[in-house]
């Protein structure tokens, strides 16, 4: 249940998950 913010138009897409997966170690 990570809290992910969103915008009214649904155009915002976070890059945090992709960056985390890339640098997790």
PDBML (XML) file of the C-alpha atoms, coordinates in Angstrom:
<?xml version="1.0" encoding="UTF-8" ?>
<PDBx:datablock datablockName="MODEL"
   xmlns:PDBx="http://pdbml.pdb.org/schema/pdbx-v50.xsd"
   xmlns:xsi="http://www.w3.org/2001/XMLSchema-instance"
   xsi:schemaLocation="http://pdbml.pdb.org/schema/pdbx-v50.xsd pdbx-v50.xsd">
   <PDBx:atom_siteCategory>
      <PDBx:atom_site id="1">
         <PDBx:B_iso_or_equiv>0.00</PDBx:B_iso_or_equiv>
         <PDBx:Cartn_x>0.000</PDBx:Cartn_x>
         <PDBx:Cartn_y>0.000</PDBx:Cartn_y>
         <PDBx:Cartn_z>0.000</PDBx:Cartn_z>
         <PDBx:auth_asym_id>A</PDBx:auth_asym_id>
         <PDBx:auth_atom_id>CA</PDBx:auth_atom_id>
         <PDBx:auth_comp_id>UNK</PDBx:auth_comp_id>
         <PDBx:auth_seq_id>1</PDBx:auth_seq_id>
         <PDBx:group_PDB>ATOM</PDBx:group_PDB>
         <PDBx:label_alt_id xsi:nil="true" />
         <PDBx:label_asym_id>A</PDBx:label_asym_id>
         <PDBx:label_atom_id>CA</PDBx:label_atom_id>
         <PDBx:label_comp_id>UNK</PDBx:label_comp_id>
         <PDBx:label_entity_id>1</PDBx:label_entity_id>
         <PDBx:label_seq_id>1</PDBx:label_seq_id>
         <PDBx:occupancy>1.00</PDBx:occupancy>
         <PDBx:pdbx_PDB_model_num>1</PDBx:pdbx_PDB_model_num>
         <PDBx:type_symbol>C</PDBx:type_symbol>
      </PDBx:atom_site>
      <PDBx:atom_site id="2">
         <PDBx:B_iso_or_equiv>0.00</PDBx:B_iso_or_equiv>
         <PDBx:Cartn_x>2.533</PDBx:Cartn_x>
         <PDBx:Cartn_y>2.577</PDBx:Cartn_y>
         <PDBx:Cartn_z>-1.103</PDBx:Cartn_z>
         <PDBx:auth_asym_id>A</PDBx:auth_asym_id>
         <PDBx:auth_atom_id>CA</PDBx:auth_atom_id>
         <PDBx:auth_comp_id>UNK</PDBx:auth_comp_id>
         <PDBx:auth_seq_id>2</PDBx:auth_seq_id>
         <PDBx:group_PDB>ATOM</PDBx:group_PDB>
         <PDBx:label_alt_id xsi:nil="true" />
         <PDBx:label_asym_id>A</PDBx:label_asym_id>
         <PDBx:label_atom_id>CA</PDBx:label_atom_id>
         <PDBx:label_comp_id>UNK</PDBx:label_comp_id>
         <PDBx:label_entity_id>1</PDBx:label_entity_id>
         <PDBx:label_seq_id>2</PDBx:label_seq_id>
         <PDBx:occupancy>1.00</PDBx:occupancy>
         <PDBx:pdbx_PDB_model_num>1</PDBx:pdbx_PDB_model_num>
         <PDBx:type_symbol>C</PDBx:type_symbol>
      </PDBx:atom_site>
      <PDBx:atom_site id="3">
         <PDBx:B_iso_or_equiv>0.00</PDBx:B_iso_or_equiv>
         <PDBx:Cartn_x>0.638</PDBx:Cartn_x>
         <PDBx:Cartn_y>5.847</PDBx:Cartn_y>
         <PDBx:Cartn_z>-1.542</PDBx:Cartn_z>
         <PDBx:auth_asym_id>A</PDBx:auth_asym_id>
         <PDBx:auth_atom_id>CA</PDBx:auth_atom_id>
         <PDBx:auth_comp_id>UNK</PDBx:auth_comp_id>
         <PDBx:auth_seq_id>3</PDBx:auth_seq_id>
         <PDBx:group_PDB>ATOM</PDBx:group_PDB>
         <PDBx:label_alt_id xsi:nil="true" />
         <PDBx:label_asym_id>A</PDBx:label_asym_id>
         <PDBx:label_atom_id>CA</PDBx:label_atom_id>
         <PDBx:label_comp_id>UNK</PDBx:label_comp_id>
         <PDBx:label_entity_id>1</PDBx:label_entity_id>
         <PDBx:label_seq_id>3</PDBx:label_seq_id>
         <PDBx:occupancy>1.00</PDBx:occupancy>
         <PDBx:pdbx_PDB_model_num>1</PDBx:pdbx_PDB_model_num>
         <PDBx:type_symbol>C</PDBx:type_symbol>
      </PDBx:atom_site>
      <PDBx:atom_site id="4">
         <PDBx:B_iso_or_equiv>0.00</PDBx:B_iso_or_equiv>
         <PDBx:Cartn_x>0.947</PDBx:Cartn_x>
         <PDBx:Cartn_y>7.050</PDBx:Cartn_y>
         <PDBx:Cartn_z>-5.150</PDBx:Cartn_z>
         <PDBx:auth_asym_id>A</PDBx:auth_asym_id>
         <PDBx:auth_atom_id>CA</PDBx:auth_atom_id>
         <PDBx:auth_comp_id>UNK</PDBx:auth_comp_id>
         <PDBx:auth_seq_id>4</PDBx:auth_seq_id>
         <PDBx:group_PDB>ATOM</PDBx:group_PDB>
         <PDBx:label_alt_id xsi:nil="true" />
         <PDBx:label_asym_id>A</PDBx:label_asym_id>
         <PDBx:label_atom_id>CA</PDBx:label_atom_id>
         <PDBx:label_comp_id>UNK</PDBx:label_comp_id>
         <PDBx:label_entity_id>1</PDBx:label_entity_id>
         <PDBx:label_seq_id>4</PDBx:label_seq_id>
         <PDBx:occupancy>1.00</PDBx:occupancy>
         <PDBx:pdbx_PDB_model_num>1</PDBx:pdbx_PDB_model_num>
         <PDBx:type_symbol>C</PDBx:type_symbol>
      </PDBx:atom_site>
      <PDBx:atom_site id="5">
         <PDBx:B_iso_or_equiv>0.00</PDBx:B_iso_or_equiv>
         <PDBx:Cartn_x>-0.344</PDBx:Cartn_x>
         <PDBx:Cartn_y>10.564</PDBx:Cartn_y>
         <PDBx:Cartn_z>-5.992</PDBx:Cartn_z>
         <PDBx:auth_asym_id>A</PDBx:auth_asym_id>
         <PDBx:auth_atom_id>CA</PDBx:auth_atom_id>
         <PDBx:auth_comp_id>UNK</PDBx:auth_comp_id>
         <PDBx:auth_seq_id>5</PDBx:auth_seq_id>
         <PDBx:group_PDB>ATOM</PDBx:group_PDB>
         <PDBx:label_alt_id xsi:nil="true" />
         <PDBx:label_asym_id>A</PDBx:label_asym_id>
         <PDBx:label_atom_id>CA</PDBx:label_atom_id>
         <PDBx:label_comp_id>UNK</PDBx:label_comp_id>
         <PDBx:label_entity_id>1</PDBx:label_entity_id>
         <PDBx:label_seq_id>5</PDBx:label_seq_id>
         <PDBx:occupancy>1.00</PDBx:occupancy>
         <PDBx:pdbx_PDB_model_num>1</PDBx:pdbx_PDB_model_num>
         <PDBx:type_symbol>C</PDBx:type_symbol>
      </PDBx:atom_site>
      <PDBx:atom_site id="6">
         <PDBx:B_iso_or_equiv>0.00</PDBx:B_iso_or_equiv>
         <PDBx:Cartn_x>-2.240</PDBx:Cartn_x>
         <PDBx:Cartn_y>11.254</PDBx:Cartn_y>
         <PDBx:Cartn_z>-9.215</PDBx:Cartn_z>
         <PDBx:auth_asym_id>A</PDBx:auth_asym_id>
         <PDBx:auth_atom_id>CA</PDBx:auth_atom_id>
         <PDBx:auth_comp_id>UNK</PDBx:auth_comp_id>
         <PDBx:auth_seq_id>6</PDBx:auth_seq_id>
         <PDBx:group_PDB>ATOM</PDBx:group_PDB>
         <PDBx:label_alt_id xsi:nil="true" />
         <PDBx:label_asym_id>A</PDBx:label_asym_id>
         <PDBx:label_atom_id>CA</PDBx:label_atom_id>
         <PDBx:label_comp_id>UNK</PDBx:label_comp_id>
         <PDBx:label_entity_id>1</PDBx:label_entity_id>
         <PDBx:label_seq_id>6</PDBx:label_seq_id>
         <PDBx:occupancy>1.00</PDBx:occupancy>
         <PDBx:pdbx_PDB_model_num>1</PDBx:pdbx_PDB_model_num>
         <PDBx:type_symbol>C</PDBx:type_symbol>
      </PDBx:atom_site>
      <PDBx:atom_site id="7">
         <PDBx:B_iso_or_equiv>0.00</PDBx:B_iso_or_equiv>
         <PDBx:Cartn_x>-3.417</PDBx:Cartn_x>
         <PDBx:Cartn_y>14.261</PDBx:Cartn_y>
         <PDBx:Cartn_z>-11.216</PDBx:Cartn_z>
         <PDBx:auth_asym_id>A</PDBx:auth_asym_id>
         <PDBx:auth_atom_id>CA</PDBx:auth_atom_id>
         <PDBx:auth_comp_id>UNK</PDBx:auth_comp_id>
         <PDBx:auth_seq_id>7</PDBx:auth_seq_id>
         <PDBx:group_PDB>ATOM</PDBx:group_PDB>
         <PDBx:label_alt_id xsi:nil="true" />
         <PDBx:label_asym_id>A</PDBx:label_asym_id>
         <PDBx:label_atom_id>CA</PDBx:label_atom_id>
         <PDBx:label_comp_id>UNK</PDBx:label_comp_id>
         <PDBx:label_entity_id>1</PDBx:label_entity_id>
         <PDBx:label_seq_id>7</PDBx:label_seq_id>
         <PDBx:occupancy>1.00</PDBx:occupancy>
         <PDBx:pdbx_PDB_model_num>1</PDBx:pdbx_PDB_model_num>
         <PDBx:type_symbol>C</PDBx:type_symbol>
      </PDBx:atom_site>
      <PDBx:atom_site id="8">
         <PDBx:B_iso_or_equiv>0.00</PDBx:B_iso_or_equiv>
         <PDBx:Cartn_x>-6.947</PDBx:Cartn_x>
         <PDBx:Cartn_y>15.111</PDBx:Cartn_y>
         <PDBx:Cartn_z>-12.315</PDBx:Cartn_z>
         <PDBx:auth_asym_id>A</PDBx:auth_asym_id>
         <PDBx:auth_atom_id>CA</PDBx:auth_atom_id>
         <PDBx:auth_comp_id>UNK</PDBx:auth_comp_id>
         <PDBx:auth_seq_id>8</PDBx:auth_seq_id>
         <PDBx:group_PDB>ATOM</PDBx:group_PDB>
         <PDBx:label_alt_id xsi:nil="true" />
         <PDBx:label_asym_id>A</PDBx:label_asym_id>
         <PDBx:label_atom_id>CA</PDBx:label_atom_id>
         <PDBx:label_comp_id>UNK</PDBx:label_comp_id>
         <PDBx:label_entity_id>1</PDBx:label_entity_id>
         <PDBx:label_seq_id>8</PDBx:label_seq_id>
         <PDBx:occupancy>1.00</PDBx:occupancy>
         <PDBx:pdbx_PDB_model_num>1</PDBx:pdbx_PDB_model_num>
         <PDBx:type_symbol>C</PDBx:type_symbol>
      </PDBx:atom_site>
      <PDBx:atom_site id="9">
         <PDBx:B_iso_or_equiv>0.00</PDBx:B_iso_or_equiv>
         <PDBx:Cartn_x>-6.340</PDBx:Cartn_x>
         <PDBx:Cartn_y>14.391</PDBx:Cartn_y>
         <PDBx:Cartn_z>-16.000</PDBx:Cartn_z>
         <PDBx:auth_asym_id>A</PDBx:auth_asym_id>
         <PDBx:auth_atom_id>CA</PDBx:auth_atom_id>
         <PDBx:auth_comp_id>UNK</PDBx:auth_comp_id>
         <PDBx:auth_seq_id>9</PDBx:auth_seq_id>
         <PDBx:group_PDB>ATOM</PDBx:group_PDB>
         <PDBx:label_alt_id xsi:nil="true" />
         <PDBx:label_asym_id>A</PDBx:label_asym_id>
         <PDBx:label_atom_id>CA</PDBx:label_atom_id>
         <PDBx:label_comp_id>UNK</PDBx:label_comp_id>
         <PDBx:label_entity_id>1</PDBx:label_entity_id>
         <PDBx:label_seq_id>9</PDBx:label_seq_id>
         <PDBx:occupancy>1.00</PDBx:occupancy>
         <PDBx:pdbx_PDB_model_num>1</PDBx:pdbx_PDB_model_num>
         <PDBx:type_symbol>C</PDBx:type_symbol>
      </PDBx:atom_site>
      <PDBx:atom_site id="10">
         <PDBx:B_iso_or_equiv>0.00</PDBx:B_iso_or_equiv>
         <PDBx:Cartn_x>-4.586</PDBx:Cartn_x>
         <PDBx:Cartn_y>11.072</PDBx:Cartn_y>
         <PDBx:Cartn_z>-15.401</PDBx:Cartn_z>
         <PDBx:auth_asym_id>A</PDBx:auth_asym_id>
         <PDBx:auth_atom_id>CA</PDBx:auth_atom_id>
         <PDBx:auth_comp_id>UNK</PDBx:auth_comp_id>
         <PDBx:auth_seq_id>10</PDBx:auth_seq_id>
         <PDBx:group_PDB>ATOM</PDBx:group_PDB>
         <PDBx:label_alt_id xsi:nil="true" />
         <PDBx:label_asym_id>A</PDBx:label_asym_id>
         <PDBx:label_atom_id>CA</PDBx:label_atom_id>
         <PDBx:label_comp_id>UNK</PDBx:label_comp_id>
         <PDBx:label_entity_id>1</PDBx:label_entity_id>
         <PDBx:label_seq_id>10</PDBx:label_seq_id>
         <PDBx:occupancy>1.00</PDBx:occupancy>
         <PDBx:pdbx_PDB_model_num>1</PDBx:pdbx_PDB_model_num>
         <PDBx:type_symbol>C</PDBx:type_symbol>
      </PDBx:atom_site>
      <PDBx:atom_site id="11">
         <PDBx:B_iso_or_equiv>0.00</PDBx:B_iso_or_equiv>
         <PDBx:Cartn_x>-1.485</PDBx:Cartn_x>
         <PDBx:Cartn_y>12.143</PDBx:Cartn_y>
         <PDBx:Cartn_z>-17.325</PDBx:Cartn_z>
         <PDBx:auth_asym_id>A</PDBx:auth_asym_id>
         <PDBx:auth_atom_id>CA</PDBx:auth_atom_id>
         <PDBx:auth_comp_id>UNK</PDBx:auth_comp_id>
         <PDBx:auth_seq_id>11</PDBx:auth_seq_id>
         <PDBx:group_PDB>ATOM</PDBx:group_PDB>
         <PDBx:label_alt_id xsi:nil="true" />
         <PDBx:label_asym_id>A</PDBx:label_asym_id>
         <PDBx:label_atom_id>CA</PDBx:label_atom_id>
         <PDBx:label_comp_id>UNK</PDBx:label_comp_id>
         <PDBx:label_entity_id>1</PDBx:label_entity_id>
         <PDBx:label_seq_id>11</PDBx:label_seq_id>
         <PDBx:occupancy>1.00</PDBx:occupancy>
         <PDBx:pdbx_PDB_model_num>1</PDBx:pdbx_PDB_model_num>
         <PDBx:type_symbol>C</PDBx:type_symbol>
      </PDBx:atom_site>
      <PDBx:atom_site id="12">
         <PDBx:B_iso_or_equiv>0.00</PDBx:B_iso_or_equiv>
         <PDBx:Cartn_x>1.040</PDBx:Cartn_x>
         <PDBx:Cartn_y>11.888</PDBx:Cartn_y>
         <PDBx:Cartn_z>-14.468</PDBx:Cartn_z>
         <PDBx:auth_asym_id>A</PDBx:auth_asym_id>
         <PDBx:auth_atom_id>CA</PDBx:auth_atom_id>
         <PDBx:auth_comp_id>UNK</PDBx:auth_comp_id>
         <PDBx:auth_seq_id>12</PDBx:auth_seq_id>
         <PDBx:group_PDB>ATOM</PDBx:group_PDB>
         <PDBx:label_alt_id xsi:nil="true" />
         <PDBx:label_asym_id>A</PDBx:label_asym_id>
         <PDBx:label_atom_id>CA</PDBx:label_atom_id>
         <PDBx:label_comp_id>UNK</PDBx:label_comp_id>
         <PDBx:label_entity_id>1</PDBx:label_entity_id>
         <PDBx:label_seq_id>12</PDBx:label_seq_id>
         <PDBx:occupancy>1.00</PDBx:occupancy>
         <PDBx:pdbx_PDB_model_num>1</PDBx:pdbx_PDB_model_num>
         <PDBx:type_symbol>C</PDBx:type_symbol>
      </PDBx:atom_site>
      <PDBx:atom_site id="13">
         <PDBx:B_iso_or_equiv>0.00</PDBx:B_iso_or_equiv>
         <PDBx:Cartn_x>3.117</PDBx:Cartn_x>
         <PDBx:Cartn_y>8.692</PDBx:Cartn_y>
         <PDBx:Cartn_z>-14.366</PDBx:Cartn_z>
         <PDBx:auth_asym_id>A</PDBx:auth_asym_id>
         <PDBx:auth_atom_id>CA</PDBx:auth_atom_id>
         <PDBx:auth_comp_id>UNK</PDBx:auth_comp_id>
         <PDBx:auth_seq_id>13</PDBx:auth_seq_id>
         <PDBx:group_PDB>ATOM</PDBx:group_PDB>
         <PDBx:label_alt_id xsi:nil="true" />
         <PDBx:label_asym_id>A</PDBx:label_asym_id>
         <PDBx:label_atom_id>CA</PDBx:label_atom_id>
         <PDBx:label_comp_id>UNK</PDBx:label_comp_id>
         <PDBx:label_entity_id>1</PDBx:label_entity_id>
         <PDBx:label_seq_id>13</PDBx:label_seq_id>
         <PDBx:occupancy>1.00</PDBx:occupancy>
         <PDBx:pdbx_PDB_model_num>1</PDBx:pdbx_PDB_model_num>
         <PDBx:type_symbol>C</PDBx:type_symbol>
      </PDBx:atom_site>
      <PDBx:atom_site id="14">
         <PDBx:B_iso_or_equiv>0.00</PDBx:B_iso_or_equiv>
         <PDBx:Cartn_x>5.750</PDBx:Cartn_x>
         <PDBx:Cartn_y>8.321</PDBx:Cartn_y>
         <PDBx:Cartn_z>-11.652</PDBx:Cartn_z>
         <PDBx:auth_asym_id>A</PDBx:auth_asym_id>
         <PDBx:auth_atom_id>CA</PDBx:auth_atom_id>
         <PDBx:auth_comp_id>UNK</PDBx:auth_comp_id>
         <PDBx:auth_seq_id>14</PDBx:auth_seq_id>
         <PDBx:group_PDB>ATOM</PDBx:group_PDB>
         <PDBx:label_alt_id xsi:nil="true" />
         <PDBx:label_asym_id>A</PDBx:label_asym_id>
         <PDBx:label_atom_id>CA</PDBx:label_atom_id>
         <PDBx:label_comp_id>UNK</PDBx:label_comp_id>
         <PDBx:label_entity_id>1</PDBx:label_entity_id>
         <PDBx:label_seq_id>14</PDBx:label_seq_id>
         <PDBx:occupancy>1.00</PDBx:occupancy>
         <PDBx:pdbx_PDB_model_num>1</PDBx:pdbx_PDB_model_num>
         <PDBx:type_symbol>C</PDBx:type_symbol>
      </PDBx:atom_site>
      <PDBx:atom_site id="15">
         <PDBx:B_iso_or_equiv>0.00</PDBx:B_iso_or_equiv>
         <PDBx:Cartn_x>9.248</PDBx:Cartn_x>
         <PDBx:Cartn_y>7.177</PDBx:Cartn_y>
         <PDBx:Cartn_z>-12.539</PDBx:Cartn_z>
         <PDBx:auth_asym_id>A</PDBx:auth_asym_id>
         <PDBx:auth_atom_id>CA</PDBx:auth_atom_id>
         <PDBx:auth_comp_id>UNK</PDBx:auth_comp_id>
         <PDBx:auth_seq_id>15</PDBx:auth_seq_id>
         <PDBx:group_PDB>ATOM</PDBx:group_PDB>
         <PDBx:label_alt_id xsi:nil="true" />
         <PDBx:label_asym_id>A</PDBx:label_asym_id>
         <PDBx:label_atom_id>CA</PDBx:label_atom_id>
         <PDBx:label_comp_id>UNK</PDBx:label_comp_id>
         <PDBx:label_entity_id>1</PDBx:label_entity_id>
         <PDBx:label_seq_id>15</PDBx:label_seq_id>
         <PDBx:occupancy>1.00</PDBx:occupancy>
         <PDBx:pdbx_PDB_model_num>1</PDBx:pdbx_PDB_model_num>
         <PDBx:type_symbol>C</PDBx:type_symbol>
      </PDBx:atom_site>
      <PDBx:atom_site id="16">
         <PDBx:B_iso_or_equiv>0.00</PDBx:B_iso_or_equiv>
         <PDBx:Cartn_x>10.088</PDBx:Cartn_x>
         <PDBx:Cartn_y>6.243</PDBx:Cartn_y>
         <PDBx:Cartn_z>-8.947</PDBx:Cartn_z>
         <PDBx:auth_asym_id>A</PDBx:auth_asym_id>
         <PDBx:auth_atom_id>CA</PDBx:auth_atom_id>
         <PDBx:auth_comp_id>UNK</PDBx:auth_comp_id>
         <PDBx:auth_seq_id>16</PDBx:auth_seq_id>
         <PDBx:group_PDB>ATOM</PDBx:group_PDB>
         <PDBx:label_alt_id xsi:nil="true" />
         <PDBx:label_asym_id>A</PDBx:label_asym_id>
         <PDBx:label_atom_id>CA</PDBx:label_atom_id>
         <PDBx:label_comp_id>UNK</PDBx:label_comp_id>
         <PDBx:label_entity_id>1</PDBx:label_entity_id>
         <PDBx:label_seq_id>16</PDBx:label_seq_id>
         <PDBx:occupancy>1.00</PDBx:occupancy>
         <PDBx:pdbx_PDB_model_num>1</PDBx:pdbx_PDB_model_num>
         <PDBx:type_symbol>C</PDBx:type_symbol>
      </PDBx:atom_site>
      <PDBx:atom_site id="17">
         <PDBx:B_iso_or_equiv>0.00</PDBx:B_iso_or_equiv>
         <PDBx:Cartn_x>9.299</PDBx:Cartn_x>
         <PDBx:Cartn_y>2.536</PDBx:Cartn_y>
         <PDBx:Cartn_z>-9.306</PDBx:Cartn_z>
         <PDBx:auth_asym_id>A</PDBx:auth_asym_id>
         <PDBx:auth_atom_id>CA</PDBx:auth_atom_id>
         <PDBx:auth_comp_id>UNK</PDBx:auth_comp_id>
         <PDBx:auth_seq_id>17</PDBx:auth_seq_id>
         <PDBx:group_PDB>ATOM</PDBx:group_PDB>
         <PDBx:label_alt_id xsi:nil="true" />
         <PDBx:label_asym_id>A</PDBx:label_asym_id>
         <PDBx:label_atom_id>CA</PDBx:label_atom_id>
         <PDBx:label_comp_id>UNK</PDBx:label_comp_id>
         <PDBx:label_entity_id>1</PDBx:label_entity_id>
         <PDBx:label_seq_id>17</PDBx:label_seq_id>
         <PDBx:occupancy>1.00</PDBx:occupancy>
         <PDBx:pdbx_PDB_model_num>1</PDBx:pdbx_PDB_model_num>
         <PDBx:type_symbol>C</PDBx:type_symbol>
      </PDBx:atom_site>
      <PDBx:atom_site id="18">
         <PDBx:B_iso_or_equiv>0.00</PDBx:B_iso_or_equiv>
         <PDBx:Cartn_x>11.420</PDBx:Cartn_x>
         <PDBx:Cartn_y>2.187</PDBx:Cartn_y>
         <PDBx:Cartn_z>-12.420</PDBx:Cartn_z>
         <PDBx:auth_asym_id>A</PDBx:auth_asym_id>
         <PDBx:auth_atom_id>CA</PDBx:auth_atom_id>
         <PDBx:auth_comp_id>UNK</PDBx:auth_comp_id>
         <PDBx:auth_seq_id>18</PDBx:auth_seq_id>
         <PDBx:group_PDB>ATOM</PDBx:group_PDB>
         <PDBx:label_alt_id xsi:nil="true" />
         <PDBx:label_asym_id>A</PDBx:label_asym_id>
         <PDBx:label_atom_id>CA</PDBx:label_atom_id>
         <PDBx:label_comp_id>UNK</PDBx:label_comp_id>
         <PDBx:label_entity_id>1</PDBx:label_entity_id>
         <PDBx:label_seq_id>18</PDBx:label_seq_id>
         <PDBx:occupancy>1.00</PDBx:occupancy>
         <PDBx:pdbx_PDB_model_num>1</PDBx:pdbx_PDB_model_num>
         <PDBx:type_symbol>C</PDBx:type_symbol>
      </PDBx:atom_site>
      <PDBx:atom_site id="19">
         <PDBx:B_iso_or_equiv>0.00</PDBx:B_iso_or_equiv>
         <PDBx:Cartn_x>14.334</PDBx:Cartn_x>
         <PDBx:Cartn_y>4.024</PDBx:Cartn_y>
         <PDBx:Cartn_z>-10.820</PDBx:Cartn_z>
         <PDBx:auth_asym_id>A</PDBx:auth_asym_id>
         <PDBx:auth_atom_id>CA</PDBx:auth_atom_id>
         <PDBx:auth_comp_id>UNK</PDBx:auth_comp_id>
         <PDBx:auth_seq_id>19</PDBx:auth_seq_id>
         <PDBx:group_PDB>ATOM</PDBx:group_PDB>
         <PDBx:label_alt_id xsi:nil="true" />
         <PDBx:label_asym_id>A</PDBx:label_asym_id>
         <PDBx:label_atom_id>CA</PDBx:label_atom_id>
         <PDBx:label_comp_id>UNK</PDBx:label_comp_id>
         <PDBx:label_entity_id>1</PDBx:label_entity_id>
         <PDBx:label_seq_id>19</PDBx:label_seq_id>
         <PDBx:occupancy>1.00</PDBx:occupancy>
         <PDBx:pdbx_PDB_model_num>1</PDBx:pdbx_PDB_model_num>
         <PDBx:type_symbol>C</PDBx:type_symbol>
      </PDBx:atom_site>
      <PDBx:atom_site id="20">
         <PDBx:B_iso_or_equiv>0.00</PDBx:B_iso_or_equiv>
         <PDBx:Cartn_x>14.031</PDBx:Cartn_x>
         <PDBx:Cartn_y>1.994</PDBx:Cartn_y>
         <PDBx:Cartn_z>-7.625</PDBx:Cartn_z>
         <PDBx:auth_asym_id>A</PDBx:auth_asym_id>
         <PDBx:auth_atom_id>CA</PDBx:auth_atom_id>
         <PDBx:auth_comp_id>UNK</PDBx:auth_comp_id>
         <PDBx:auth_seq_id>20</PDBx:auth_seq_id>
         <PDBx:group_PDB>ATOM</PDBx:group_PDB>
         <PDBx:label_alt_id xsi:nil="true" />
         <PDBx:label_asym_id>A</PDBx:label_asym_id>
         <PDBx:label_atom_id>CA</PDBx:label_atom_id>
         <PDBx:label_comp_id>UNK</PDBx:label_comp_id>
         <PDBx:label_entity_id>1</PDBx:label_entity_id>
         <PDBx:label_seq_id>20</PDBx:label_seq_id>
         <PDBx:occupancy>1.00</PDBx:occupancy>
         <PDBx:pdbx_PDB_model_num>1</PDBx:pdbx_PDB_model_num>
         <PDBx:type_symbol>C</PDBx:type_symbol>
      </PDBx:atom_site>
      <PDBx:atom_site id="21">
         <PDBx:B_iso_or_equiv>0.00</PDBx:B_iso_or_equiv>
         <PDBx:Cartn_x>14.051</PDBx:Cartn_x>
         <PDBx:Cartn_y>-1.287</PDBx:Cartn_y>
         <PDBx:Cartn_z>-9.568</PDBx:Cartn_z>
         <PDBx:auth_asym_id>A</PDBx:auth_asym_id>
         <PDBx:auth_atom_id>CA</PDBx:auth_atom_id>
         <PDBx:auth_comp_id>UNK</PDBx:auth_comp_id>
         <PDBx:auth_seq_id>21</PDBx:auth_seq_id>
         <PDBx:group_PDB>ATOM</PDBx:group_PDB>
         <PDBx:label_alt_id xsi:nil="true" />
         <PDBx:label_asym_id>A</PDBx:label_asym_id>
         <PDBx:label_atom_id>CA</PDBx:label_atom_id>
         <PDBx:label_comp_id>UNK</PDBx:label_comp_id>
         <PDBx:label_entity_id>1</PDBx:label_entity_id>
         <PDBx:label_seq_id>21</PDBx:label_seq_id>
         <PDBx:occupancy>1.00</PDBx:occupancy>
         <PDBx:pdbx_PDB_model_num>1</PDBx:pdbx_PDB_model_num>
         <PDBx:type_symbol>C</PDBx:type_symbol>
      </PDBx:atom_site>
      <PDBx:atom_site id="22">
         <PDBx:B_iso_or_equiv>0.00</PDBx:B_iso_or_equiv>
         <PDBx:Cartn_x>17.150</PDBx:Cartn_x>
         <PDBx:Cartn_y>-0.149</PDBx:Cartn_y>
         <PDBx:Cartn_z>-11.419</PDBx:Cartn_z>
         <PDBx:auth_asym_id>A</PDBx:auth_asym_id>
         <PDBx:auth_atom_id>CA</PDBx:auth_atom_id>
         <PDBx:auth_comp_id>UNK</PDBx:auth_comp_id>
         <PDBx:auth_seq_id>22</PDBx:auth_seq_id>
         <PDBx:group_PDB>ATOM</PDBx:group_PDB>
         <PDBx:label_alt_id xsi:nil="true" />
         <PDBx:label_asym_id>A</PDBx:label_asym_id>
         <PDBx:label_atom_id>CA</PDBx:label_atom_id>
         <PDBx:label_comp_id>UNK</PDBx:label_comp_id>
         <PDBx:label_entity_id>1</PDBx:label_entity_id>
         <PDBx:label_seq_id>22</PDBx:label_seq_id>
         <PDBx:occupancy>1.00</PDBx:occupancy>
         <PDBx:pdbx_PDB_model_num>1</PDBx:pdbx_PDB_model_num>
         <PDBx:type_symbol>C</PDBx:type_symbol>
      </PDBx:atom_site>
      <PDBx:atom_site id="23">
         <PDBx:B_iso_or_equiv>0.00</PDBx:B_iso_or_equiv>
         <PDBx:Cartn_x>19.091</PDBx:Cartn_x>
         <PDBx:Cartn_y>0.794</PDBx:Cartn_y>
         <PDBx:Cartn_z>-8.294</PDBx:Cartn_z>
         <PDBx:auth_asym_id>A</PDBx:auth_asym_id>
         <PDBx:auth_atom_id>CA</PDBx:auth_atom_id>
         <PDBx:auth_comp_id>UNK</PDBx:auth_comp_id>
         <PDBx:auth_seq_id>23</PDBx:auth_seq_id>
         <PDBx:group_PDB>ATOM</PDBx:group_PDB>
         <PDBx:label_alt_id xsi:nil="true" />
         <PDBx:label_asym_id>A</PDBx:label_asym_id>
         <PDBx:label_atom_id>CA</PDBx:label_atom_id>
         <PDBx:label_comp_id>UNK</PDBx:label_comp_id>
         <PDBx:label_entity_id>1</PDBx:label_entity_id>
         <PDBx:label_seq_id>23</PDBx:label_seq_id>
         <PDBx:occupancy>1.00</PDBx:occupancy>
         <PDBx:pdbx_PDB_model_num>1</PDBx:pdbx_PDB_model_num>
         <PDBx:type_symbol>C</PDBx:type_symbol>
      </PDBx:atom_site>
      <PDBx:atom_site id="24">
         <PDBx:B_iso_or_equiv>0.00</PDBx:B_iso_or_equiv>
         <PDBx:Cartn_x>17.598</PDBx:Cartn_x>
         <PDBx:Cartn_y>-1.446</PDBx:Cartn_y>
         <PDBx:Cartn_z>-5.611</PDBx:Cartn_z>
         <PDBx:auth_asym_id>A</PDBx:auth_asym_id>
         <PDBx:auth_atom_id>CA</PDBx:auth_atom_id>
         <PDBx:auth_comp_id>UNK</PDBx:auth_comp_id>
         <PDBx:auth_seq_id>24</PDBx:auth_seq_id>
         <PDBx:group_PDB>ATOM</PDBx:group_PDB>
         <PDBx:label_alt_id xsi:nil="true" />
         <PDBx:label_asym_id>A</PDBx:label_asym_id>
         <PDBx:label_atom_id>CA</PDBx:label_atom_id>
         <PDBx:label_comp_id>UNK</PDBx:label_comp_id>
         <PDBx:label_entity_id>1</PDBx:label_entity_id>
         <PDBx:label_seq_id>24</PDBx:label_seq_id>
         <PDBx:occupancy>1.00</PDBx:occupancy>
         <PDBx:pdbx_PDB_model_num>1</PDBx:pdbx_PDB_model_num>
         <PDBx:type_symbol>C</PDBx:type_symbol>
      </PDBx:atom_site>
      <PDBx:atom_site id="25">
         <PDBx:B_iso_or_equiv>0.00</PDBx:B_iso_or_equiv>
         <PDBx:Cartn_x>20.855</PDBx:Cartn_x>
         <PDBx:Cartn_y>-3.191</PDBx:Cartn_y>
         <PDBx:Cartn_z>-4.548</PDBx:Cartn_z>
         <PDBx:auth_asym_id>A</PDBx:auth_asym_id>
         <PDBx:auth_atom_id>CA</PDBx:auth_atom_id>
         <PDBx:auth_comp_id>UNK</PDBx:auth_comp_id>
         <PDBx:auth_seq_id>25</PDBx:auth_seq_id>
         <PDBx:group_PDB>ATOM</PDBx:group_PDB>
         <PDBx:label_alt_id xsi:nil="true" />
         <PDBx:label_asym_id>A</PDBx:label_asym_id>
         <PDBx:label_atom_id>CA</PDBx:label_atom_id>
         <PDBx:label_comp_id>UNK</PDBx:label_comp_id>
         <PDBx:label_entity_id>1</PDBx:label_entity_id>
         <PDBx:label_seq_id>25</PDBx:label_seq_id>
         <PDBx:occupancy>1.00</PDBx:occupancy>
         <PDBx:pdbx_PDB_model_num>1</PDBx:pdbx_PDB_model_num>
         <PDBx:type_symbol>C</PDBx:type_symbol>
      </PDBx:atom_site>
   </PDBx:atom_siteCategory>
</PDBx:datablock>
